[in-house]
Amino acid sequence: MNKHSSIRKSGSVLLLLLVIASSAIAQITIPPAMRKNITNNRIPAHIQLSEAQMKKIMIKKIDLTAIAINFSVPKCKDRFNGTVLIEGIVKNTGGLAWTTGANQQSALLYEDNGGRLQLVASQPFQNLAPGAEVKVSYTRAWNRSSPAEGEFPPKYVLVIGFDPDIYIDGNDNNDDSNYNNNRLTKSSAEVNSNWKCK
């Protein structure tokens, strides 16, 4: 009885792993530890920092910022159709270098169609000197005469995603002092207002 129960449990676990693996292939790859925190731009609730730790973070003023989302039309097909490049920029706006391990942070770009967020691009990064930038980009076809792009153009959301344990990893050179600037939203309406295709 126990043997059959054990086999059934193993089979269920394998099936679950296959379903998770196949759904993961269809999506953009994000480091596993970061997945549960990618849209959260604040210190994860389960992490409790002491007053001394918070003071140290604030004194160092290490700060990553979701600073810009830019739109351009690198290719025209006709006066209504073209290719649009959406580029998100994350910048180290603090006074000290962001020094960290691989897969602990990523620039994430989402497309927002009426409140439905879809991750369209991600760019993992590591160390960033003060003033240095990392870019994440997404290219898509655009039809300014269609309701989806013309009348109701999507918004784009740039988020800095962190490993949930980044504040307790023993490295205080990757502790963001201002997590209120880790998310930026911008409408793509300017694509149509600046359209140059003829």
Protein backbone atom coordinates (compact mmCIF):
# COMPACT_ATOMS: atom_id res chain seq x y z
CA MET A 1 0.00 0.00 0.00
CA ASN A 2 2.77 2.43 0.98
CA LYS A 3 4.73 1.46 -2.13
CA HIS A 4 1.80 2.33 -4.44
CA SER A 5 1.15 5.56 -2.56
CA SER A 6 4.82 6.52 -2.91
CA ILE A 7 4.77 5.78 -6.67
CA ARG A 8 1.60 7.86 -7.09
CA LYS A 9 3.19 10.78 -5.20
CA SER A 10 6.36 10.57 -7.32
CA GLY A 11 4.26 10.54 -10.49
CA SER A 12 2.27 13.58 -9.34
CA VAL A 13 5.44 15.47 -8.51
CA LEU A 14 6.96 14.64 -11.92
CA LEU A 15 3.78 15.74 -13.71
CA LEU A 16 3.75 19.02 -11.78
CA LEU A 17 7.40 19.65 -12.64
CA LEU A 18 6.72 19.00 -16.34
CA VAL A 19 3.79 21.45 -16.35
CA ILE A 20 5.89 24.12 -14.62
CA ALA A 21 8.83 23.53 -16.97
CA SER A 22 6.71 23.71 -20.11
CA SER A 23 4.95 26.92 -19.00
CA ALA A 24 8.32 28.46 -18.10
CA ILE A 25 9.66 27.80 -21.62
CA ALA A 26 6.85 29.90 -23.10
CA GLN A 27 7.78 32.88 -20.94
CA ILE A 28 10.78 35.16 -20.61
CA THR A 29 13.39 33.60 -18.33
CA ILE A 30 13.76 35.29 -14.95
CA PRO A 31 16.03 33.97 -12.18
CA PRO A 32 13.87 31.64 -10.01
CA ALA A 33 14.47 33.49 -6.74
CA MET A 34 13.36 36.74 -8.34
CA ARG A 35 10.06 35.49 -9.81
CA LYS A 36 8.02 35.96 -6.64
CA ASN A 37 9.20 39.57 -6.29
CA ILE A 38 9.42 40.99 -9.81
CA THR A 39 6.52 43.43 -9.62
CA ASN A 40 7.22 44.44 -6.04
CA ASN A 41 9.26 47.63 -5.73
CA ARG A 42 9.75 47.65 -1.98
CA ILE A 43 11.64 45.67 0.63
CA PRO A 44 9.90 42.26 0.76
CA ALA A 45 7.53 42.07 3.75
CA HIS A 46 9.20 38.97 5.20
CA ILE A 47 12.51 40.81 5.62
CA GLN A 48 12.79 42.69 8.91
CA LEU A 49 15.72 45.12 9.03
CA SER A 50 16.98 46.65 12.24
CA GLU A 51 17.13 50.41 12.70
CA ALA A 52 20.95 50.22 12.45
CA GLN A 53 20.73 48.33 9.13
CA MET A 54 18.24 50.85 7.71
CA LYS A 55 20.44 53.76 8.87
CA LYS A 56 23.47 52.22 7.13
CA ILE A 57 21.49 51.79 3.90
CA MET A 58 20.34 55.41 4.00
CA ILE A 59 23.83 56.76 4.74
CA LYS A 60 25.36 54.90 1.78
CA LYS A 61 22.66 56.21 -0.58
CA ILE A 62 23.17 53.47 -3.14
CA ASP A 63 20.28 53.96 -5.51
CA LEU A 64 19.05 52.29 -8.70
CA THR A 65 16.36 54.21 -10.59
CA ALA A 66 13.94 53.23 -13.36
CA ILE A 67 14.79 56.49 -15.10
CA ALA A 68 13.27 56.44 -18.60
CA ILE A 69 11.13 54.66 -21.17
CA ASN A 70 11.84 55.81 -24.74
CA PHE A 71 10.01 55.09 -28.00
CA SER A 72 11.39 55.17 -31.53
CA VAL A 73 10.33 53.94 -34.99
CA PRO A 74 13.42 52.36 -36.60
CA LYS A 75 11.53 50.98 -39.62
CA CYS A 76 8.54 52.19 -41.67
CA LYS A 77 6.42 49.97 -43.90
CA ASP A 78 3.87 52.59 -44.96
CA ARG A 79 2.11 55.61 -43.45
CA PHE A 80 0.23 53.44 -40.94
CA ASN A 81 2.59 50.53 -40.28
CA GLY A 82 6.06 50.33 -38.87
CA THR A 83 8.29 48.78 -36.24
CA VAL A 84 8.44 50.40 -32.81
CA LEU A 85 11.34 50.04 -30.38
CA ILE A 86 10.49 50.45 -26.70
CA GLU A 87 13.54 50.91 -24.49
CA GLY A 88 13.61 51.06 -20.70
CA ILE A 89 16.63 52.53 -18.90
CA VAL A 90 17.78 51.75 -15.35
CA LYS A 91 20.46 54.05 -13.96
CA ASN A 92 22.63 54.08 -10.86
CA THR A 93 21.66 57.52 -9.54
CA GLY A 94 23.44 57.00 -6.22
CA GLY A 95 26.90 58.16 -5.25
CA LEU A 96 28.45 54.69 -4.83
CA ALA A 97 28.86 51.68 -7.11
CA TRP A 98 26.17 49.00 -7.11
CA THR A 99 28.22 45.85 -6.51
CA THR A 100 26.38 42.57 -6.49
CA GLY A 101 26.16 38.97 -7.62
CA ALA A 102 24.78 37.63 -10.88
CA ASN A 103 21.01 37.00 -11.10
CA GLN A 104 20.22 39.23 -8.11
CA GLN A 105 18.54 41.98 -10.11
CA SER A 106 16.98 42.53 -13.50
CA ALA A 107 15.41 45.32 -15.54
CA LEU A 108 11.91 44.18 -16.49
CA LEU A 109 9.67 45.71 -19.16
CA TYR A 110 5.92 45.10 -19.15
CA GLU A 111 3.23 45.98 -21.69
CA ASP A 112 -0.01 47.17 -20.08
CA ASN A 113 -3.13 46.76 -22.23
CA GLY A 114 -6.01 48.09 -20.14
CA GLY A 115 -4.65 46.75 -16.86
CA ARG A 116 -3.45 43.42 -18.27
CA LEU A 117 0.30 43.35 -17.65
CA GLN A 118 2.50 41.15 -19.82
CA LEU A 119 6.24 40.82 -19.38
CA VAL A 120 7.76 41.51 -22.81
CA ALA A 121 11.50 41.84 -22.06
CA SER A 122 14.01 41.37 -19.26
CA GLN A 123 17.67 42.24 -18.89
CA PRO A 124 19.65 40.79 -15.97
CA PHE A 125 22.57 42.95 -14.87
CA GLN A 126 25.25 42.98 -12.22
CA ASN A 127 27.62 45.79 -11.19
CA LEU A 128 26.83 49.44 -12.04
CA ALA A 129 29.13 52.39 -11.36
CA PRO A 130 27.53 55.74 -10.38
CA GLY A 131 25.90 57.20 -13.50
CA ALA A 132 26.07 53.88 -15.41
CA GLU A 133 22.96 52.55 -17.15
CA VAL A 134 21.47 49.26 -18.25
CA LYS A 135 18.87 49.04 -21.03
CA VAL A 136 16.05 46.60 -21.69
CA SER A 137 14.33 46.75 -25.06
CA TYR A 138 11.38 45.31 -26.93
CA THR A 139 10.60 45.63 -30.65
CA ARG A 140 7.11 45.13 -32.03
CA ALA A 141 4.98 45.77 -35.13
CA TRP A 142 2.79 48.86 -34.90
CA ASN A 143 -0.35 49.86 -36.81
CA ARG A 144 -1.40 53.37 -35.87
CA SER A 145 -4.74 52.98 -37.68
CA SER A 146 -5.82 50.04 -35.50
CA PRO A 147 -7.73 50.67 -32.24
CA ALA A 148 -5.15 48.69 -30.23
CA GLU A 149 -2.25 50.96 -31.19
CA GLY A 150 -3.98 54.09 -32.50
CA GLU A 151 -6.97 54.84 -30.30
CA PHE A 152 -5.92 52.84 -27.23
CA PRO A 153 -2.12 52.58 -27.29
CA PRO A 154 -0.63 50.45 -24.52
CA LYS A 155 1.32 51.72 -21.54
CA TYR A 156 4.76 50.35 -20.75
CA VAL A 157 6.00 49.67 -17.24
CA LEU A 158 9.69 49.47 -16.30
CA VAL A 159 10.43 47.68 -13.02
CA ILE A 160 13.68 46.87 -11.25
CA GLY A 161 13.24 43.34 -9.94
CA PHE A 162 15.37 42.18 -7.02
CA ASP A 163 16.13 38.83 -5.46
CA PRO A 164 13.81 38.73 -2.40
CA ASP A 165 16.81 38.14 -0.13
CA ILE A 166 18.98 40.94 -1.49
CA TYR A 167 18.82 42.95 1.76
CA ILE A 168 19.98 40.02 3.85
CA ASP A 169 22.67 38.54 1.60
CA GLY A 170 25.56 39.94 3.66
CA ASN A 171 26.42 42.55 1.01
CA ASP A 172 25.37 46.11 1.85
CA ASN A 173 26.66 47.40 -1.51
CA ASN A 174 23.49 46.11 -3.22
CA ASP A 175 20.94 47.53 -0.80
CA ASP A 176 18.78 50.09 -2.61
CA SER A 177 18.22 53.15 -0.40
CA ASN A 178 15.21 54.47 -2.34
CA TYR A 179 12.77 51.86 -3.56
CA ASN A 180 10.14 54.46 -4.54
CA ASN A 181 11.89 55.09 -7.89
CA ASN A 182 12.16 51.45 -8.98
CA ARG A 183 9.04 51.54 -11.16
CA LEU A 184 8.11 53.81 -14.08
CA THR A 185 5.00 53.82 -16.29
CA LYS A 186 4.68 55.65 -19.62
CA SER A 187 1.97 55.74 -22.28
CA SER A 188 3.00 54.93 -25.84
CA ALA A 189 0.61 57.61 -27.19
CA GLU A 190 3.68 59.64 -28.20
CA VAL A 191 4.48 56.98 -30.84
CA ASN A 192 1.45 58.17 -32.82
CA SER A 193 1.93 61.88 -32.10
CA ASN A 194 5.57 61.69 -33.33
CA TRP A 195 4.83 59.34 -36.28
CA LYS A 196 7.11 60.09 -39.26
CA CYS A 197 6.29 57.21 -41.60
CA LYS A 198 4.90 58.26 -45.01
